[in-house]
Structure formats: structure tokens, C-alpha cells
């Protein structure tokens, strides 16, 4: 069983920064890809950032230059660094991990950006 636990969400003012963390645990597995998704009320869920097993990264146009996805294999943790936050970034953020067996999701963490 693989588990993902998210943390780091909160309330910040526009222009501020947050770093989301996603700690993985469980049996060993082969990673295919990992990413961060967000869902806001009245809007479709969207892929914010993703990283392939080879290290290639992709970002939504709305967050390019502001968000950075990274990982620390020694700590079994993936991160989403969010800078220059805007009110439209307000959403519940979910981490995702794809393995050779199946896809896993974190519980979600709320990010609220005030104007």
C-alpha cells in the first residue's frame, strides 16, 4: 500500500509564497510520473505541474515562472513551490503519483490567496 500525505496549505496575501509537501510511504514502487492538480469552486480541475520519471517538467501556462515542482528522493517527498501567488490560485491542491501498478492521490490541502 502506498500513501500520500500533503501539507503546507494555508492563507496568504497576494504576492506571497507557500511550499506544498507530499510525503510518500509504503512498499517500494517504480515511479512513472508525479504531479500537482488543483480544483476551485466553479472551475474545472486542472493539472498545475508534472514531472516524468526522466525528470521532464511541465507547467500550466497560468503558473509558469511562478511555481516549481521538485522532489527529494532521500526524503520520499515531492514539493510544489508557489511564489507570487494570486487570488485565482485559490483552490484545493492534490498531489498525484503514478506507479507501474496504479495511481495514488493525496488527501488535498487548501490554498487561499486574499487580495
PDB file of N, CA and C in Angstrom:
ATOM      1  N   UNK A   1       0.835  -1.186   0.000  1.00  0.00           N
ATOM      2  CA  UNK A   1       0.000   0.000   0.000  1.00  0.00           C
ATOM      3  C   UNK A   1       0.881   1.252   0.000  1.00  0.00           C
ATOM      4  N   UNK A   2       0.581   2.194  -0.883  1.00  0.00           N
ATOM      5  CA  UNK A   2       1.293   3.457  -0.971  1.00  0.00           C
ATOM      6  C   UNK A   2       0.378   4.564  -0.465  1.00  0.00           C
ATOM      7  N   UNK A   3       0.910   5.418   0.404  1.00  0.00           N
ATOM      8  CA  UNK A   3       0.139   6.519   0.960  1.00  0.00           C
ATOM      9  C   UNK A   3       0.817   7.848   0.668  1.00  0.00           C
ATOM     10  N   UNK A   4       0.005   8.878   0.396  1.00  0.00           N
ATOM     11  CA  UNK A   4       0.494  10.220   0.145  1.00  0.00           C
ATOM     12  C   UNK A   4      -0.148  11.157   1.158  1.00  0.00           C
ATOM     13  N   UNK A   5       0.672  11.903   1.885  1.00  0.00           N
ATOM     14  CA  UNK A   5       0.188  12.844   2.884  1.00  0.00           C
ATOM     15  C   UNK A   5       0.670  14.239   2.532  1.00  0.00           C
ATOM     16  N   UNK A   6      -0.281  15.161   2.318  1.00  0.00           N
ATOM     17  CA  UNK A   6       0.033  16.519   1.923  1.00  0.00           C
ATOM     18  C   UNK A   6       0.032  17.468   3.120  1.00  0.00           C
ATOM     19  N   UNK A   7       0.794  18.543   2.986  1.00  0.00           N
ATOM     20  CA  UNK A   7       0.818  19.593   3.990  1.00  0.00           C
ATOM     21  C   UNK A   7       1.341  20.872   3.351  1.00  0.00           C
ATOM     22  N   UNK A   8       1.200  21.988   4.060  1.00  0.00           N
ATOM     23  CA  UNK A   8       1.758  23.247   3.599  1.00  0.00           C
ATOM     24  C   UNK A   8       0.755  24.269   3.114  1.00  0.00           C
ATOM     25  N   UNK A   9      -0.504  23.892   2.994  1.00  0.00           N
ATOM     26  CA  UNK A   9      -1.511  24.841   2.563  1.00  0.00           C
ATOM     27  C   UNK A   9      -1.803  25.863   3.644  1.00  0.00           C
ATOM     28  N   UNK A  10      -2.554  26.896   3.282  1.00  0.00           N
ATOM     29  CA  UNK A  10      -2.891  27.927   4.241  1.00  0.00           C
ATOM     30  C   UNK A  10      -3.426  29.166   3.578  1.00  0.00           C
ATOM     31  N   UNK A  11      -3.498  30.242   4.356  1.00  0.00           N
ATOM     32  CA  UNK A  11      -4.000  31.533   3.890  1.00  0.00           C
ATOM     33  C   UNK A  11      -2.839  32.508   3.750  1.00  0.00           C
ATOM     34  N   UNK A  12      -2.711  33.106   2.575  1.00  0.00           N
ATOM     35  CA  UNK A  12      -1.659  34.087   2.323  1.00  0.00           C
ATOM     36  C   UNK A  12      -2.225  35.255   1.535  1.00  0.00           C
ATOM     37  N   UNK A  13      -1.529  36.382   1.598  1.00  0.00           N
ATOM     38  CA  UNK A  13      -1.909  37.543   0.810  1.00  0.00           C
ATOM     39  C   UNK A  13      -1.342  37.431  -0.600  1.00  0.00           C
ATOM     40  N   UNK A  14      -1.995  38.098  -1.540  1.00  0.00           N
ATOM     41  CA  UNK A  14      -1.492  38.129  -2.907  1.00  0.00           C
ATOM     42  C   UNK A  14      -0.043  38.589  -2.918  1.00  0.00           C
ATOM     43  N   UNK A  15       0.772  37.898  -3.701  1.00  0.00           N
ATOM     44  CA  UNK A  15       2.191  38.205  -3.768  1.00  0.00           C
ATOM     45  C   UNK A  15       3.039  37.357  -2.843  1.00  0.00           C
ATOM     46  N   UNK A  16       2.397  36.623  -1.945  1.00  0.00           N
ATOM     47  CA  UNK A  16       3.112  35.782  -1.004  1.00  0.00           C
ATOM     48  C   UNK A  16       3.498  34.446  -1.592  1.00  0.00           C
ATOM     49  N   UNK A  17       4.102  33.595  -0.747  1.00  0.00           N
ATOM     50  CA  UNK A  17       4.590  32.292  -1.190  1.00  0.00           C
ATOM     51  C   UNK A  17       4.174  31.189  -0.235  1.00  0.00           C
ATOM     52  N   UNK A  18       4.063  29.986  -0.764  1.00  0.00           N
ATOM     53  CA  UNK A  18       3.808  28.784   0.009  1.00  0.00           C
ATOM     54  C   UNK A  18       4.559  27.633  -0.637  1.00  0.00           C
ATOM     55  N   UNK A  19       4.925  26.649   0.169  1.00  0.00           N
ATOM     56  CA  UNK A  19       5.507  25.426  -0.361  1.00  0.00           C
ATOM     57  C   UNK A  19       4.690  24.239   0.119  1.00  0.00           C
ATOM     58  N   UNK A  20       4.115  23.511  -0.822  1.00  0.00           N
ATOM     59  CA  UNK A  20       3.350  22.322  -0.511  1.00  0.00           C
ATOM     60  C   UNK A  20       4.265  21.103  -0.518  1.00  0.00           C
ATOM     61  N   UNK A  21       4.026  20.190   0.423  1.00  0.00           N
ATOM     62  CA  UNK A  21       4.809  18.969   0.512  1.00  0.00           C
ATOM     63  C   UNK A  21       3.893  17.762   0.392  1.00  0.00           C
ATOM     64  N   UNK A  22       4.424  16.698  -0.169  1.00  0.00           N
ATOM     65  CA  UNK A  22       3.680  15.454  -0.315  1.00  0.00           C
ATOM     66  C   UNK A  22       4.627  14.313   0.016  1.00  0.00           C
ATOM     67  N   UNK A  23       4.441  13.707   1.183  1.00  0.00           N
ATOM     68  CA  UNK A  23       5.306  12.630   1.648  1.00  0.00           C
ATOM     69  C   UNK A  23       4.706  11.287   1.263  1.00  0.00           C
ATOM     70  N   UNK A  24       5.509  10.447   0.640  1.00  0.00           N
ATOM     71  CA  UNK A  24       5.054   9.119   0.231  1.00  0.00           C
ATOM     72  C   UNK A  24       5.619   8.060   1.161  1.00  0.00           C
ATOM     73  N   UNK A  25       4.848   7.004   1.378  1.00  0.00           N
ATOM     74  CA  UNK A  25       5.289   5.907   2.226  1.00  0.00           C
ATOM     75  C   UNK A  25       4.648   4.612   1.754  1.00  0.00           C
ATOM     76  N   UNK A  26       5.221   3.491   2.195  1.00  0.00           N
ATOM     77  CA  UNK A  26       4.699   2.195   1.825  1.00  0.00           C
ATOM     78  C   UNK A  26       5.755   1.340   1.159  1.00  0.00           C
ATOM     79  N   UNK A  27       5.304   0.299   0.498  1.00  0.00           N
ATOM     80  CA  UNK A  27       6.205  -0.608  -0.181  1.00  0.00           C
ATOM     81  C   UNK A  27       6.925   0.092  -1.324  1.00  0.00           C
ATOM     82  N   UNK A  28       8.042  -0.469  -1.717  1.00  0.00           N
ATOM     83  CA  UNK A  28       8.798   0.105  -2.820  1.00  0.00           C
ATOM     84  C   UNK A  28       7.978   0.034  -4.100  1.00  0.00           C
ATOM     85  N   UNK A  29       8.224   0.989  -4.988  1.00  0.00           N
ATOM     86  CA  UNK A  29       7.483   1.058  -6.236  1.00  0.00           C
ATOM     87  C   UNK A  29       8.314   1.768  -7.290  1.00  0.00           C
ATOM     88  N   UNK A  30       7.935   1.576  -8.541  1.00  0.00           N
ATOM     89  CA  UNK A  30       8.591   2.238  -9.657  1.00  0.00           C
ATOM     90  C   UNK A  30       7.726   3.414 -10.093  1.00  0.00           C
ATOM     91  N   UNK A  31       8.288   4.611 -10.051  1.00  0.00           N
ATOM     92  CA  UNK A  31       7.559   5.826 -10.393  1.00  0.00           C
ATOM     93  C   UNK A  31       7.523   6.034 -11.898  1.00  0.00           C
ATOM     94  N   UNK A  32       6.340   6.302 -12.411  1.00  0.00           N
ATOM     95  CA  UNK A  32       6.182   6.651 -13.817  1.00  0.00           C
ATOM     96  C   UNK A  32       6.123   8.160 -13.982  1.00  0.00           C
ATOM     97  N   UNK A  33       5.373   8.827 -13.101  1.00  0.00           N
ATOM     98  CA  UNK A  33       5.277  10.279 -13.133  1.00  0.00           C
ATOM     99  C   UNK A  33       4.656  10.770 -11.832  1.00  0.00           C
ATOM    100  N   UNK A  34       4.776  12.059 -11.573  1.00  0.00           N
ATOM    101  CA  UNK A  34       4.168  12.681 -10.412  1.00  0.00           C
ATOM    102  C   UNK A  34       3.687  14.070 -10.793  1.00  0.00           C
ATOM    103  N   UNK A  35       2.722  14.592 -10.040  1.00  0.00           N
ATOM    104  CA  UNK A  35       2.206  15.897 -10.388  1.00  0.00           C
ATOM    105  C   UNK A  35       1.350  16.510  -9.308  1.00  0.00           C
ATOM    106  N   UNK A  36       0.955  17.755  -9.566  1.00  0.00           N
ATOM    107  CA  UNK A  36       0.071  18.502  -8.685  1.00  0.00           C
ATOM    108  C   UNK A  36      -1.129  18.988  -9.482  1.00  0.00           C
ATOM    109  N   UNK A  37      -2.317  18.794  -8.923  1.00  0.00           N
ATOM    110  CA  UNK A  37      -3.571  19.223  -9.528  1.00  0.00           C
ATOM    111  C   UNK A  37      -4.282  20.163  -8.568  1.00  0.00           C
ATOM    112  N   UNK A  38      -5.187  20.976  -9.100  1.00  0.00           N
ATOM    113  CA  UNK A  38      -5.971  21.840  -8.229  1.00  0.00           C
ATOM    114  C   UNK A  38      -7.414  21.910  -8.706  1.00  0.00           C
ATOM    115  N   UNK A  39      -8.319  22.114  -7.746  1.00  0.00           N
ATOM    116  CA  UNK A  39      -9.742  22.208  -8.018  1.00  0.00           C
ATOM    117  C   UNK A  39     -10.314  23.389  -7.245  1.00  0.00           C
ATOM    118  N   UNK A  40     -10.889  24.343  -7.949  1.00  0.00           N
ATOM    119  CA  UNK A  40     -11.508  25.505  -7.336  1.00  0.00           C
ATOM    120  C   UNK A  40     -13.007  25.479  -7.594  1.00  0.00           C
ATOM    121  N   UNK A  41     -13.817  26.024  -6.675  1.00  0.00           N
ATOM    122  CA  UNK A  41     -15.264  26.059  -6.875  1.00  0.00           C
ATOM    123  C   UNK A  41     -15.636  26.747  -8.182  1.00  0.00           C
ATOM    124  N   UNK A  42     -16.506  26.115  -8.963  1.00  0.00           N
ATOM    125  CA  UNK A  42     -16.954  26.696 -10.209  1.00  0.00           C
ATOM    126  C   UNK A  42     -15.979  26.579 -11.359  1.00  0.00           C
ATOM    127  N   UNK A  43     -14.882  25.890 -11.166  1.00  0.00           N
ATOM    128  CA  UNK A  43     -13.878  25.734 -12.215  1.00  0.00           C
ATOM    129  C   UNK A  43     -13.527  24.258 -12.390  1.00  0.00           C
ATOM    130  N   UNK A  44     -13.069  23.921 -13.585  1.00  0.00           N
ATOM    131  CA  UNK A  44     -12.616  22.560 -13.843  1.00  0.00           C
ATOM    132  C   UNK A  44     -11.299  22.294 -13.128  1.00  0.00           C
ATOM    133  N   UNK A  45     -11.109  21.036 -12.714  1.00  0.00           N
ATOM    134  CA  UNK A  45      -9.832  20.673 -12.159  1.00  0.00           C
ATOM    135  C   UNK A  45      -8.771  20.770 -13.244  1.00  0.00           C
ATOM    136  N   UNK A  46      -7.564  21.132 -12.861  1.00  0.00           N
ATOM    137  CA  UNK A  46      -6.510  21.295 -13.843  1.00  0.00           C
ATOM    138  C   UNK A  46      -5.177  20.787 -13.325  1.00  0.00           C
ATOM    139  N   UNK A  47      -4.367  20.337 -14.260  1.00  0.00           N
ATOM    140  CA  UNK A  47      -3.003  19.940 -13.941  1.00  0.00           C
ATOM    141  C   UNK A  47      -2.162  21.193 -13.809  1.00  0.00           C
ATOM    142  N   UNK A  48      -1.546  21.378 -12.657  1.00  0.00           N
ATOM    143  CA  UNK A  48      -0.732  22.559 -12.397  1.00  0.00           C
ATOM    144  C   UNK A  48       0.714  22.327 -12.808  1.00  0.00           C
ATOM    145  N   UNK A  49       1.266  21.203 -12.384  1.00  0.00           N
ATOM    146  CA  UNK A  49       2.660  20.880 -12.668  1.00  0.00           C
ATOM    147  C   UNK A  49       2.842  19.378 -12.668  1.00  0.00           C
ATOM    148  N   UNK A  50       3.748  18.896 -13.497  1.00  0.00           N
ATOM    149  CA  UNK A  50       4.008  17.464 -13.582  1.00  0.00           C
ATOM    150  C   UNK A  50       5.481  17.214 -13.851  1.00  0.00           C
ATOM    151  N   UNK A  51       5.936  16.045 -13.426  1.00  0.00           N
ATOM    152  CA  UNK A  51       7.311  15.625 -13.656  1.00  0.00           C
ATOM    153  C   UNK A  51       7.307  14.162 -14.078  1.00  0.00           C
ATOM    154  N   UNK A  52       7.979  13.862 -15.170  1.00  0.00           N
ATOM    155  CA  UNK A  52       8.072  12.495 -15.652  1.00  0.00           C
ATOM    156  C   UNK A  52       9.160  11.751 -14.901  1.00  0.00           C
ATOM    157  N   UNK A  53       9.207  10.435 -15.098  1.00  0.00           N
ATOM    158  CA  UNK A  53      10.236   9.627 -14.446  1.00  0.00           C
ATOM    159  C   UNK A  53      11.630  10.044 -14.887  1.00  0.00           C
ATOM    160  N   UNK A  54      11.730  10.630 -16.069  1.00  0.00           N
ATOM    161  CA  UNK A  54      13.006  11.094 -16.579  1.00  0.00           C
ATOM    162  C   UNK A  54      13.389  12.484 -16.116  1.00  0.00           C
ATOM    163  N   UNK A  55      12.503  13.144 -15.360  1.00  0.00           N
ATOM    164  CA  UNK A  55      12.801  14.460 -14.831  1.00  0.00           C
ATOM    165  C   UNK A  55      12.258  15.621 -15.645  1.00  0.00           C
ATOM    166  N   UNK A  56      11.583  15.336 -16.743  1.00  0.00           N
ATOM    167  CA  UNK A  56      10.999  16.395 -17.555  1.00  0.00           C
ATOM    168  C   UNK A  56       9.807  17.016 -16.835  1.00  0.00           C
ATOM    169  N   UNK A  57       9.731  18.333 -16.799  1.00  0.00           N
ATOM    170  CA  UNK A  57       8.651  19.032 -16.113  1.00  0.00           C
ATOM    171  C   UNK A  57       7.755  19.768 -17.090  1.00  0.00           C
ATOM    172  N   UNK A  58       6.491  19.905 -16.703  1.00  0.00           N
ATOM    173  CA  UNK A  58       5.514  20.653 -17.473  1.00  0.00           C
ATOM    174  C   UNK A  58       4.673  21.476 -16.517  1.00  0.00           C
ATOM    175  N   UNK A  59       4.287  22.682 -16.946  1.00  0.00           N
ATOM    176  CA  UNK A  59       3.501  23.577 -16.122  1.00  0.00           C
ATOM    177  C   UNK A  59       2.339  24.152 -16.901  1.00  0.00           C
ATOM    178  N   UNK A  60       1.238  24.401 -16.190  1.00  0.00           N
ATOM    179  CA  UNK A  60       0.135  25.122 -16.786  1.00  0.00           C
ATOM    180  C   UNK A  60       0.602  26.536 -17.122  1.00  0.00           C
ATOM    181  N   UNK A  61       0.095  27.092 -18.215  1.00  0.00           N
ATOM    182  CA  UNK A  61       0.512  28.431 -18.626  1.00  0.00           C
ATOM    183  C   UNK A  61       0.289  29.464 -17.525  1.00  0.00           C
ATOM    184  N   UNK A  62      -0.761  29.282 -16.743  1.00  0.00           N
ATOM    185  CA  UNK A  62      -1.116  30.249 -15.718  1.00  0.00           C
ATOM    186  C   UNK A  62      -0.119  30.314 -14.559  1.00  0.00           C
ATOM    187  N   UNK A  63       0.738  29.294 -14.417  1.00  0.00           N
ATOM    188  CA  UNK A  63       1.664  29.266 -13.286  1.00  0.00           C
ATOM    189  C   UNK A  63       3.122  29.267 -13.707  1.00  0.00           C
ATOM    190  N   UNK A  64       3.399  29.245 -14.991  1.00  0.00           N
ATOM    191  CA  UNK A  64       4.784  29.240 -15.465  1.00  0.00           C
ATOM    192  C   UNK A  64       5.531  30.463 -14.952  1.00  0.00           C
ATOM    193  N   UNK A  65       6.723  30.217 -14.451  1.00  0.00           N
ATOM    194  CA  UNK A  65       7.536  31.291 -13.910  1.00  0.00           C
ATOM    195  C   UNK A  65       7.270  31.584 -12.455  1.00  0.00           C
ATOM    196  N   UNK A  66       6.188  31.018 -11.901  1.00  0.00           N
ATOM    197  CA  UNK A  66       5.829  31.266 -10.504  1.00  0.00           C
ATOM    198  C   UNK A  66       5.898  29.999  -9.653  1.00  0.00           C
ATOM    199  N   UNK A  67       5.542  28.848 -10.231  1.00  0.00           N
ATOM    200  CA  UNK A  67       5.516  27.579  -9.498  1.00  0.00           C
ATOM    201  C   UNK A  67       6.659  26.682  -9.959  1.00  0.00           C
ATOM    202  N   UNK A  68       7.165  25.856  -9.033  1.00  0.00           N
ATOM    203  CA  UNK A  68       8.219  24.904  -9.345  1.00  0.00           C
ATOM    204  C   UNK A  68       7.931  23.566  -8.680  1.00  0.00           C
ATOM    205  N   UNK A  69       7.937  22.497  -9.464  1.00  0.00           N
ATOM    206  CA  UNK A  69       7.764  21.155  -8.920  1.00  0.00           C
ATOM    207  C   UNK A  69       9.143  20.529  -8.724  1.00  0.00           C
ATOM    208  N   UNK A  70       9.321  19.815  -7.632  1.00  0.00           N
ATOM    209  CA  UNK A  70      10.603  19.185  -7.347  1.00  0.00           C
ATOM    210  C   UNK A  70      10.387  17.947  -6.489  1.00  0.00           C
ATOM    211  N   UNK A  71      11.456  17.191  -6.286  1.00  0.00           N
ATOM    212  CA  UNK A  71      11.377  16.001  -5.453  1.00  0.00           C
ATOM    213  C   UNK A  71      12.675  15.791  -4.697  1.00  0.00           C
ATOM    214  N   UNK A  72      12.570  15.115  -3.564  1.00  0.00           N
ATOM    215  CA  UNK A  72      13.723  14.742  -2.757  1.00  0.00           C
ATOM    216  C   UNK A  72      13.584  13.250  -2.506  1.00  0.00           C
ATOM    217  N   UNK A  73      14.284  12.454  -3.282  1.00  0.00           N
ATOM    218  CA  UNK A  73      14.152  11.006  -3.177  1.00  0.00           C
ATOM    219  C   UNK A  73      14.577  10.472  -1.808  1.00  0.00           C
ATOM    220  N   UNK A  74      15.577  11.085  -1.200  1.00  0.00           N
ATOM    221  CA  UNK A  74      16.048  10.641   0.106  1.00  0.00           C
ATOM    222  C   UNK A  74      14.969  10.785   1.171  1.00  0.00           C
ATOM    223  N   UNK A  75      14.097  11.788   1.009  1.00  0.00           N
ATOM    224  CA  UNK A  75      13.029  12.030   1.968  1.00  0.00           C
ATOM    225  C   UNK A  75      11.678  11.509   1.486  1.00  0.00           C
ATOM    226  N   UNK A  76      11.663  10.886   0.317  1.00  0.00           N
ATOM    227  CA  UNK A  76      10.425  10.362  -0.268  1.00  0.00           C
ATOM    228  C   UNK A  76       9.346  11.444  -0.337  1.00  0.00           C
ATOM    229  N   UNK A  77       9.750  12.627  -0.738  1.00  0.00           N
ATOM    230  CA  UNK A  77       8.859  13.777  -0.728  1.00  0.00           C
ATOM    231  C   UNK A  77       8.905  14.542  -2.044  1.00  0.00           C
ATOM    232  N   UNK A  78       7.739  14.994  -2.488  1.00  0.00           N
ATOM    233  CA  UNK A  78       7.643  15.881  -3.632  1.00  0.00           C
ATOM    234  C   UNK A  78       7.117  17.224  -3.157  1.00  0.00           C
ATOM    235  N   UNK A  79       7.484  18.294  -3.870  1.00  0.00           N
ATOM    236  CA  UNK A  79       7.148  19.643  -3.449  1.00  0.00           C
ATOM    237  C   UNK A  79       6.542  20.449  -4.591  1.00  0.00           C
ATOM    238  N   UNK A  80       5.781  21.461  -4.206  1.00  0.00           N
ATOM    239  CA  UNK A  80       5.322  22.474  -5.141  1.00  0.00           C
ATOM    240  C   UNK A  80       5.597  23.827  -4.498  1.00  0.00           C
ATOM    241  N   UNK A  81       6.617  24.516  -4.989  1.00  0.00           N
ATOM    242  CA  UNK A  81       6.939  25.847  -4.514  1.00  0.00           C
ATOM    243  C   UNK A  81       6.095  26.849  -5.289  1.00  0.00           C
ATOM    244  N   UNK A  82       5.328  27.666  -4.582  1.00  0.00           N
ATOM    245  CA  UNK A  82       4.426  28.623  -5.199  1.00  0.00           C
ATOM    246  C   UNK A  82       4.817  30.034  -4.778  1.00  0.00           C
ATOM    247  N   UNK A  83       5.221  30.844  -5.743  1.00  0.00           N
ATOM    248  CA  UNK A  83       5.612  32.223  -5.489  1.00  0.00           C
ATOM    249  C   UNK A  83       4.680  33.178  -6.222  1.00  0.00           C
ATOM    250  N   UNK A  84       4.705  34.440  -5.813  1.00  0.00           N
ATOM    251  CA  UNK A  84       3.879  35.473  -6.441  1.00  0.00           C
ATOM    252  C   UNK A  84       2.433  35.021  -6.577  1.00  0.00           C
ATOM    253  N   UNK A  85       1.882  34.519  -5.495  1.00  0.00           N
ATOM    254  CA  UNK A  85       0.533  33.959  -5.525  1.00  0.00           C
ATOM    255  C   UNK A  85      -0.516  35.011  -5.845  1.00  0.00           C
ATOM    256  N   UNK A  86      -1.536  34.576  -6.574  1.00  0.00           N
ATOM    257  CA  UNK A  86      -2.640  35.416  -6.987  1.00  0.00           C
ATOM    258  C   UNK A  86      -3.946  34.863  -6.428  1.00  0.00           C
ATOM    259  N   UNK A  87      -4.972  35.700  -6.270  1.00  0.00           N
ATOM    260  CA  UNK A  87      -6.265  35.205  -5.782  1.00  0.00           C
ATOM    261  C   UNK A  87      -6.809  34.045  -6.615  1.00  0.00           C
ATOM    262  N   UNK A  88      -6.570  34.049  -7.917  1.00  0.00           N
ATOM    263  CA  UNK A  88      -7.052  32.977  -8.766  1.00  0.00           C
ATOM    264  C   UNK A  88      -6.338  31.647  -8.540  1.00  0.00           C
ATOM    265  N   UNK A  89      -5.286  31.635  -7.730  1.00  0.00           N
ATOM    266  CA  UNK A  89      -4.624  30.391  -7.362  1.00  0.00           C
ATOM    267  C   UNK A  89      -5.366  29.666  -6.239  1.00  0.00           C
ATOM    268  N   UNK A  90      -6.351  30.315  -5.652  1.00  0.00           N
ATOM    269  CA  UNK A  90      -7.118  29.719  -4.566  1.00  0.00           C
ATOM    270  C   UNK A  90      -7.793  28.432  -5.035  1.00  0.00           C
ATOM    271  N   UNK A  91      -7.536  27.333  -4.326  1.00  0.00           N
ATOM    272  CA  UNK A  91      -8.071  26.033  -4.710  1.00  0.00           C
ATOM    273  C   UNK A  91      -7.618  24.988  -3.705  1.00  0.00           C
ATOM    274  N   UNK A  92      -8.165  23.792  -3.842  1.00  0.00           N
ATOM    275  CA  UNK A  92      -7.645  22.639  -3.125  1.00  0.00           C
ATOM    276  C   UNK A  92      -6.623  21.979  -4.030  1.00  0.00           C
ATOM    277  N   UNK A  93      -5.437  21.757  -3.510  1.00  0.00           N
ATOM    278  CA  UNK A  93      -4.348  21.176  -4.285  1.00  0.00           C
ATOM    279  C   UNK A  93      -4.138  19.720  -3.900  1.00  0.00           C
ATOM    280  N   UNK A  94      -3.970  18.870  -4.912  1.00  0.00           N
ATOM    281  CA  UNK A  94      -3.787  17.439  -4.716  1.00  0.00           C
ATOM    282  C   UNK A  94      -2.490  16.978  -5.363  1.00  0.00           C
ATOM    283  N   UNK A  95      -1.716  16.165  -4.647  1.00  0.00           N
ATOM    284  CA  UNK A  95      -0.552  15.551  -5.263  1.00  0.00           C
ATOM    285  C   UNK A  95      -0.943  14.194  -5.824  1.00  0.00           C
ATOM    286  N   UNK A  96      -0.253  13.793  -6.866  1.00  0.00           N
ATOM    287  CA  UNK A  96      -0.547  12.538  -7.547  1.00  0.00           C
ATOM    288  C   UNK A  96       0.740  11.808  -7.863  1.00  0.00           C
ATOM    289  N   UNK A  97       0.708  10.488  -7.707  1.00  0.00           N
ATOM    290  CA  UNK A  97       1.853   9.647  -8.007  1.00  0.00           C
ATOM    291  C   UNK A  97       1.394   8.466  -8.847  1.00  0.00           C
ATOM    292  N   UNK A  98       1.990   8.308 -10.011  1.00  0.00           N
ATOM    293  CA  UNK A  98       1.682   7.180 -10.885  1.00  0.00           C
ATOM    294  C   UNK A  98       2.812   6.167 -10.806  1.00  0.00           C
ATOM    295  N   UNK A  99       2.449   4.904 -10.559  1.00  0.00           N
ATOM    296  CA  UNK A  99       3.421   3.822 -10.500  1.00  0.00           C
ATOM    297  C   UNK A  99       3.102   2.798 -11.573  1.00  0.00           C
ATOM    298  N   UNK A 100       3.891   1.741 -11.615  1.00  0.00           N
ATOM    299  CA  UNK A 100       3.643   0.661 -12.578  1.00  0.00           C
ATOM    300  C   UNK A 100       2.348  -0.065 -12.255  1.00  0.00           C
ATOM    301  N   UNK A 101       1.866   0.054 -11.029  1.00  0.00           N
ATOM    302  CA  UNK A 101       0.674  -0.662 -10.591  1.00  0.00           C
ATOM    303  C   UNK A 101      -0.585   0.177 -10.722  1.00  0.00           C
ATOM    304  N   UNK A 102      -0.571   1.396 -10.161  1.00  0.00           N
ATOM    305  CA  UNK A 102      -1.746   2.256 -10.179  1.00  0.00           C
ATOM    306  C   UNK A 102      -1.382   3.688  -9.827  1.00  0.00           C
ATOM    307  N   UNK A 103      -2.398   4.553  -9.828  1.00  0.00           N
ATOM    308  CA  UNK A 103      -2.224   5.955  -9.499  1.00  0.00           C
ATOM    309  C   UNK A 103      -2.696   6.214  -8.074  1.00  0.00           C
ATOM    310  N   UNK A 104      -1.955   7.060  -7.335  1.00  0.00           N
ATOM    311  CA  UNK A 104      -2.289   7.392  -5.957  1.00  0.00           C
ATOM    312  C   UNK A 104      -2.488   8.894  -5.810  1.00  0.00           C
ATOM    313  N   UNK A 105      -3.374   9.275  -4.865  1.00  0.00           N
ATOM    314  CA  UNK A 105      -3.701  10.675  -4.630  1.00  0.00           C
ATOM    315  C   UNK A 105      -3.552  11.048  -3.169  1.00  0.00           C
ATOM    316  N   UNK A 106      -3.113  12.268  -2.922  1.00  0.00           N
ATOM    317  CA  UNK A 106      -3.082  12.804  -1.580  1.00  0.00           C
ATOM    318  C   UNK A 106      -4.475  13.229  -1.156  1.00  0.00           C
ATOM    319  N   UNK A 107      -4.615  13.631   0.104  1.00  0.00           N
ATOM    320  CA  UNK A 107      -5.927  13.987   0.638  1.00  0.00           C
ATOM    321  C   UNK A 107      -6.367  15.394   0.254  1.00  0.00           C
ATOM    322  N   UNK A 108      -5.463  16.190  -0.265  1.00  0.00           N
ATOM    323  CA  UNK A 108      -5.768  17.556  -0.652  1.00  0.00           C
ATOM    324  C   UNK A 108      -5.430  18.539   0.448  1.00  0.00           C
ATOM    325  N   UNK A 109      -4.988  19.728   0.063  1.00  0.00           N
ATOM    326  CA  UNK A 109      -4.693  20.791   1.019  1.00  0.00           C
ATOM    327  C   UNK A 109      -5.198  22.111   0.448  1.00  0.00           C
ATOM    328  N   UNK A 110      -5.853  22.903   1.296  1.00  0.00           N
ATOM    329  CA  UNK A 110      -6.475  24.150   0.858  1.00  0.00           C
ATOM    330  C   UNK A 110      -5.466  25.279   0.791  1.00  0.00           C
ATOM    331  N   UNK A 111      -5.452  25.976  -0.333  1.00  0.00           N
ATOM    332  CA  UNK A 111      -4.648  27.183  -0.509  1.00  0.00           C
ATOM    333  C   UNK A 111      -5.608  28.336  -0.778  1.00  0.00           C
ATOM    334  N   UNK A 112      -5.544  29.364   0.055  1.00  0.00           N
ATOM    335  CA  UNK A 112      -6.399  30.531  -0.107  1.00  0.00           C
ATOM    336  C   UNK A 112      -5.538  31.781  -0.202  1.00  0.00           C
ATOM    337  N   UNK A 113      -5.715  32.531  -1.274  1.00  0.00           N
ATOM    338  CA  UNK A 113      -4.945  33.753  -1.501  1.00  0.00           C
ATOM    339  C   UNK A 113      -5.891  34.944  -1.444  1.00  0.00           C
ATOM    340  N   UNK A 114      -5.667  35.835  -0.499  1.00  0.00           N
ATOM    341  CA  UNK A 114      -6.512  37.004  -0.331  1.00  0.00           C
ATOM    342  C   UNK A 114      -5.969  38.184  -1.130  1.00  0.00           C
ATOM    343  N   UNK A 115      -6.865  39.083  -1.524  1.00  0.00           N
ATOM    344  CA  UNK A 115      -6.479  40.252  -2.298  1.00  0.00           C
ATOM    345  C   UNK A 115      -6.516  41.508  -1.458  1.00  0.00           C
TER     346      UNK A 115
END
